[in-house]
């Protein structure tokens, strides 16, 4: 399916901030140049660090993005959502914005076009909202994973993190099916996709629901993580090591034996690195 390009004025606006894209992020929010902050809030730039993310004026960004994707920025429903954002924690605010944009898009005559524009938006935060639409979709698990794949491969680290969080609960609810569906992802040529399979299923993870079944029986996911034991990407290696470090807090002997076997069977720098990082909590305890 093909989609219409963004309006010409939007393309001109995007071109006007090209000189800002190679910037290094400010060390403090107060040091963010006004020109950068305006472009971020207008949805013309990606954030490059946490300070820029925290400095965003979400009401302005939400209205800007709504206009960009073909929704009414003056919508009463959007205004009501913006008015109540202060009552929620920072990350919860993003969920509410994603929800209102999803609901407004559902009423739009060209819903697919609206969704495509959000998923390909210049703002990483807008693409994060698009990733959260997967949670709201009500799709079966396999379809959710297929829908979130583009965000798992996104060039921006923040979008990739929201991608796995978006389907975490669905994975927990159908764990065995999830592990089977994700196995082919570990052979993908894109390290972001391989890392997604590992990060999504971490027994503990960060800022997310824990997977009690894998805390108790981490070996159930062995067919998923075994193919990654000598992965050439440091990004993937760190995720696998963190996966096993999570598991070591409840099944230390299993993790210790697994790492010993991996190094014996695959004595490569990648495997040794994974094993060393995987055993860091056990090493500290020893």
Protein backbone atom coordinates (compact mmCIF):
# COMPACT_ATOMS: atom_id res chain seq x y z
CA UNK A 1 0.00 0.00 0.00
CA UNK A 2 1.26 3.49 -0.83
CA UNK A 3 0.59 6.55 1.27
CA UNK A 4 0.47 10.23 0.33
CA UNK A 5 3.60 12.23 1.21
CA UNK A 6 3.49 14.81 4.00
CA UNK A 7 2.27 18.28 3.01
CA UNK A 8 4.85 20.48 1.31
CA UNK A 9 5.01 22.93 4.22
CA UNK A 10 5.90 20.04 6.55
CA UNK A 11 8.70 18.96 4.22
CA UNK A 12 10.05 22.51 4.15
CA UNK A 13 9.94 22.70 7.94
CA UNK A 14 11.86 19.44 8.25
CA UNK A 15 14.52 20.69 5.84
CA UNK A 16 14.91 23.87 7.90
CA UNK A 17 16.30 21.92 10.87
CA UNK A 18 18.75 19.71 8.97
CA UNK A 19 21.67 21.66 10.44
CA UNK A 20 20.60 20.64 13.95
CA UNK A 21 20.56 16.89 13.42
CA UNK A 22 24.28 16.34 14.00
CA UNK A 23 24.27 18.14 17.36
CA UNK A 24 25.51 16.71 20.61
CA UNK A 25 22.93 16.81 23.35
CA UNK A 26 23.24 19.38 26.12
CA UNK A 27 24.52 18.21 29.51
CA UNK A 28 21.73 20.06 31.30
CA UNK A 29 18.21 20.96 30.30
CA UNK A 30 18.97 24.65 30.83
CA UNK A 31 21.70 24.45 28.20
CA UNK A 32 19.47 23.18 25.38
CA UNK A 33 19.50 25.88 22.68
CA UNK A 34 16.09 27.51 22.17
CA UNK A 35 16.20 26.65 18.47
CA UNK A 36 16.62 22.96 19.30
CA UNK A 37 13.86 23.02 21.91
CA UNK A 38 11.45 24.68 19.48
CA UNK A 39 12.21 22.08 16.81
CA UNK A 40 11.76 19.23 19.30
CA UNK A 41 8.41 20.55 20.46
CA UNK A 42 7.32 21.14 16.88
CA UNK A 43 8.02 17.48 16.14
CA UNK A 44 10.76 18.25 13.63
CA UNK A 45 13.69 16.64 15.44
CA UNK A 46 14.55 13.48 17.33
CA UNK A 47 15.81 13.75 20.87
CA UNK A 48 19.47 12.79 21.29
CA UNK A 49 19.62 12.31 25.05
CA UNK A 50 17.50 12.09 28.18
CA UNK A 51 17.79 15.81 28.91
CA UNK A 52 16.10 16.66 25.63
CA UNK A 53 13.42 14.06 26.28
CA UNK A 54 12.72 15.45 29.74
CA UNK A 55 12.61 19.02 28.42
CA UNK A 56 9.80 18.35 25.96
CA UNK A 57 6.59 20.33 26.27
CA UNK A 58 4.21 17.43 25.67
CA UNK A 59 1.09 19.53 25.06
CA UNK A 60 2.82 21.41 22.24
CA UNK A 61 4.38 18.26 20.80
CA UNK A 62 1.07 16.37 20.91
CA UNK A 63 -0.73 19.13 19.04
CA UNK A 64 2.09 19.44 16.50
CA UNK A 65 2.14 15.70 15.82
CA UNK A 66 -1.65 15.55 15.57
CA UNK A 67 -1.56 18.19 12.85
CA UNK A 68 1.28 16.46 11.02
CA UNK A 69 -0.57 13.15 10.78
CA UNK A 70 -3.91 14.58 9.70
CA UNK A 71 -5.77 14.84 13.01
CA UNK A 72 -7.38 17.95 14.48
CA UNK A 73 -4.89 19.57 16.91
CA UNK A 74 -7.78 21.55 18.42
CA UNK A 75 -9.86 18.44 19.11
CA UNK A 76 -11.81 18.63 22.36
CA UNK A 77 -10.75 15.09 23.23
CA UNK A 78 -7.08 15.97 22.74
CA UNK A 79 -7.50 19.17 24.75
CA UNK A 80 -9.09 17.24 27.62
CA UNK A 81 -6.23 14.71 27.63
CA UNK A 82 -3.60 17.46 27.60
CA UNK A 83 -5.35 19.22 30.48
CA UNK A 84 -5.09 16.17 32.73
CA UNK A 85 -1.47 15.19 31.94
CA UNK A 86 -0.12 16.87 35.06
CA UNK A 87 -1.96 14.38 37.24
CA UNK A 88 0.16 11.50 35.93
CA UNK A 89 3.76 10.39 36.16
CA UNK A 90 5.97 11.38 33.20
CA UNK A 91 5.90 8.06 31.33
CA UNK A 92 2.19 7.60 31.97
CA UNK A 93 1.57 10.89 30.16
CA UNK A 94 2.95 9.40 26.96
CA UNK A 95 0.54 6.50 27.25
CA UNK A 96 -2.42 8.86 27.52
CA UNK A 97 -1.31 10.83 24.46
CA UNK A 98 -0.86 7.61 22.49
CA UNK A 99 -4.35 6.56 23.53
CA UNK A 100 -6.08 9.76 22.45
CA UNK A 101 -4.28 9.80 19.10
CA UNK A 102 -5.27 6.15 18.59
CA UNK A 103 -8.92 6.89 19.36
CA UNK A 104 -9.00 9.95 17.11
CA UNK A 105 -7.38 8.00 14.29
CA UNK A 106 -10.01 5.27 14.64
CA UNK A 107 -12.62 7.83 13.63
CA UNK A 108 -10.62 9.11 10.66
CA UNK A 109 -11.66 8.18 7.13
CA UNK A 110 -8.02 7.38 6.25
CA UNK A 111 -6.96 5.63 9.43
CA UNK A 112 -4.16 3.64 7.77
CA UNK A 113 -2.61 6.80 6.36
CA UNK A 114 -2.72 8.46 9.78
CA UNK A 115 -1.09 5.39 11.36
CA UNK A 116 1.63 5.32 8.71
CA UNK A 117 2.45 8.99 9.20
CA UNK A 118 2.78 8.48 12.95
CA UNK A 119 4.93 5.36 12.56
CA UNK A 120 7.30 7.19 10.20
CA UNK A 121 7.24 10.57 11.96
CA UNK A 122 10.40 12.64 12.27
CA UNK A 123 10.01 12.76 16.06
CA UNK A 124 11.21 9.69 17.95
CA UNK A 125 8.60 10.43 20.60
CA UNK A 126 5.83 10.32 18.00
CA UNK A 127 7.12 6.95 16.82
CA UNK A 128 7.07 5.79 20.44
CA UNK A 129 3.40 6.70 20.55
CA UNK A 130 2.90 4.68 17.37
CA UNK A 131 4.60 1.69 18.99
CA UNK A 132 2.17 1.96 21.90
CA UNK A 133 -0.71 1.64 19.44
CA UNK A 134 0.30 -2.02 19.15
CA UNK A 135 -0.70 -2.49 22.80
CA UNK A 136 -4.06 -0.87 22.11
CA UNK A 137 -4.78 -2.81 18.94
CA UNK A 138 -6.24 -5.96 20.47
CA UNK A 139 -4.46 -8.00 17.79
CA UNK A 140 -3.48 -11.65 18.39
CA UNK A 141 0.05 -12.15 19.67
CA UNK A 142 1.60 -13.07 16.32
CA UNK A 143 0.09 -9.99 14.70
CA UNK A 144 1.29 -7.77 17.55
CA UNK A 145 4.84 -9.01 17.12
CA UNK A 146 4.66 -8.40 13.38
CA UNK A 147 3.29 -4.90 13.96
CA UNK A 148 5.95 -3.98 16.50
CA UNK A 149 8.83 -5.25 14.37
CA UNK A 150 9.37 -1.95 12.55
CA UNK A 151 9.78 -0.20 15.91
CA UNK A 152 12.13 -2.91 17.19
CA UNK A 153 14.36 -2.06 14.21
CA UNK A 154 14.01 1.71 14.60
CA UNK A 155 17.31 3.64 14.44
CA UNK A 156 16.44 5.51 17.65
CA UNK A 157 17.23 3.75 20.93
CA UNK A 158 14.18 5.18 22.68
CA UNK A 159 11.75 3.78 20.15
CA UNK A 160 13.40 0.36 20.39
CA UNK A 161 12.88 0.37 24.17
CA UNK A 162 9.20 1.29 23.89
CA UNK A 163 8.80 -1.43 21.24
CA UNK A 164 9.55 -4.32 23.57
CA UNK A 165 7.65 -2.73 26.44
CA UNK A 166 4.60 -2.45 24.19
CA UNK A 167 4.24 -6.22 23.82
CA UNK A 168 5.71 -7.36 27.14
CA UNK A 169 2.36 -8.12 28.78
CA UNK A 170 1.13 -10.04 25.72
CA UNK A 171 4.30 -12.13 25.77
CA UNK A 172 3.90 -12.93 29.45
CA UNK A 173 0.29 -13.99 28.87
CA UNK A 174 1.33 -16.45 26.13
CA UNK A 175 4.91 -17.25 27.03
CA UNK A 176 5.46 -20.55 25.22
CA UNK A 177 3.87 -19.25 22.04
CA UNK A 178 5.99 -16.11 22.30
CA UNK A 179 9.24 -18.02 22.69
CA UNK A 180 8.42 -20.07 19.60
CA UNK A 181 7.42 -17.03 17.53
CA UNK A 182 10.57 -15.13 18.50
CA UNK A 183 13.06 -17.87 17.66
CA UNK A 184 13.40 -16.84 13.99
CA UNK A 185 14.15 -13.30 15.17
CA UNK A 186 17.44 -14.50 16.67
CA UNK A 187 18.72 -15.29 13.17
CA UNK A 188 17.79 -11.94 11.66
CA UNK A 189 20.54 -9.94 9.96
CA UNK A 190 19.57 -6.83 11.95
CA UNK A 191 21.16 -6.83 15.43
CA UNK A 192 18.32 -4.65 16.68
CA UNK A 193 15.86 -7.43 15.88
CA UNK A 194 18.05 -10.08 17.51
CA UNK A 195 18.46 -7.92 20.59
CA UNK A 196 14.69 -7.36 20.74
CA UNK A 197 14.06 -11.10 21.09
CA UNK A 198 16.41 -11.26 24.05
CA UNK A 199 15.44 -7.99 25.74
CA UNK A 200 11.71 -8.63 25.43
CA UNK A 201 11.97 -11.91 27.34
CA UNK A 202 14.39 -10.93 30.12
CA UNK A 203 13.14 -12.59 33.33
CA UNK A 204 13.35 -9.35 35.27
CA UNK A 205 13.93 -6.51 32.86
CA UNK A 206 13.87 -2.83 33.77
CA UNK A 207 10.78 -0.71 34.49
CA UNK A 208 8.46 -3.51 33.38
CA UNK A 209 6.54 -6.54 34.59
CA UNK A 210 8.71 -9.48 35.57
CA UNK A 211 8.32 -12.87 33.96
CA UNK A 212 7.89 -15.13 36.97
CA UNK A 213 7.85 -18.28 34.85
CA UNK A 214 11.35 -17.52 33.51
CA UNK A 215 12.63 -16.48 36.91
CA UNK A 216 11.65 -19.94 38.13
CA UNK A 217 12.51 -21.89 34.96
CA UNK A 218 14.86 -19.86 32.75
CA UNK A 219 15.76 -22.98 30.77
CA UNK A 220 12.41 -22.72 29.03
CA UNK A 221 13.90 -19.88 26.97
CA UNK A 222 17.14 -21.69 26.14
CA UNK A 223 16.13 -22.31 22.49
CA UNK A 224 15.77 -18.54 22.18
CA UNK A 225 19.00 -17.37 23.81
CA UNK A 226 21.29 -20.27 22.81
CA UNK A 227 21.62 -19.04 19.18
CA UNK A 228 22.86 -15.69 20.54
CA UNK A 229 25.69 -17.04 22.67
CA UNK A 230 28.39 -15.87 20.21
CA UNK A 231 26.56 -12.98 18.57
CA UNK A 232 28.91 -10.52 16.89
CA UNK A 233 26.99 -7.43 18.05
CA UNK A 234 27.94 -5.92 21.41
CA UNK A 235 24.38 -4.59 21.65
CA UNK A 236 23.06 -8.16 21.50
CA UNK A 237 25.81 -9.51 23.73
CA UNK A 238 24.91 -7.07 26.50
CA UNK A 239 21.25 -8.04 26.30
CA UNK A 240 21.98 -11.77 26.50
CA UNK A 241 24.35 -11.20 29.41
CA UNK A 242 21.71 -9.15 31.20
CA UNK A 243 19.15 -11.88 30.49
CA UNK A 244 21.33 -14.46 32.20
CA UNK A 245 22.26 -12.09 35.02
CA UNK A 246 18.53 -11.70 35.69
CA UNK A 247 18.16 -15.48 35.79
CA UNK A 248 21.18 -15.86 38.09
CA UNK A 249 19.26 -14.15 40.89
CA UNK A 250 16.82 -17.04 41.11
CA UNK A 251 18.62 -19.94 39.40
CA UNK A 252 22.34 -19.28 40.03
CA UNK A 253 23.56 -22.86 39.57
CA UNK A 254 21.84 -23.21 36.21
CA UNK A 255 23.34 -19.96 34.91
CA UNK A 256 26.79 -20.93 36.18
CA UNK A 257 26.63 -24.31 34.42
CA UNK A 258 25.25 -22.80 31.24
CA UNK A 259 28.01 -20.21 31.00
CA UNK A 260 30.65 -22.85 31.60
CA UNK A 261 29.20 -24.97 28.82
CA UNK A 262 28.96 -22.05 26.42
CA UNK A 263 32.59 -21.10 26.91
CA UNK A 264 33.71 -24.71 26.57
CA UNK A 265 31.76 -25.20 23.34
CA UNK A 266 32.25 -21.70 21.91
CA UNK A 267 35.52 -20.26 23.17
CA UNK A 268 35.19 -16.94 21.35
CA UNK A 269 35.66 -13.37 22.62
CA UNK A 270 31.91 -12.79 22.24
CA UNK A 271 30.93 -15.81 24.33
CA UNK A 272 33.54 -15.07 26.99
CA UNK A 273 32.27 -11.50 27.23
CA UNK A 274 28.66 -12.66 27.61
CA UNK A 275 29.58 -15.22 30.25
CA UNK A 276 31.63 -12.76 32.30
CA UNK A 277 28.87 -10.16 32.33
CA UNK A 278 26.21 -12.81 32.96
CA UNK A 279 28.02 -13.95 36.09
CA UNK A 280 28.71 -10.49 37.53
CA UNK A 281 26.10 -10.73 40.30
CA UNK A 282 27.32 -14.19 41.32
CA UNK A 283 30.92 -12.94 41.25
CA UNK A 284 30.03 -10.06 43.57
CA UNK A 285 28.29 -12.44 45.96
CA UNK A 286 31.31 -14.73 45.97
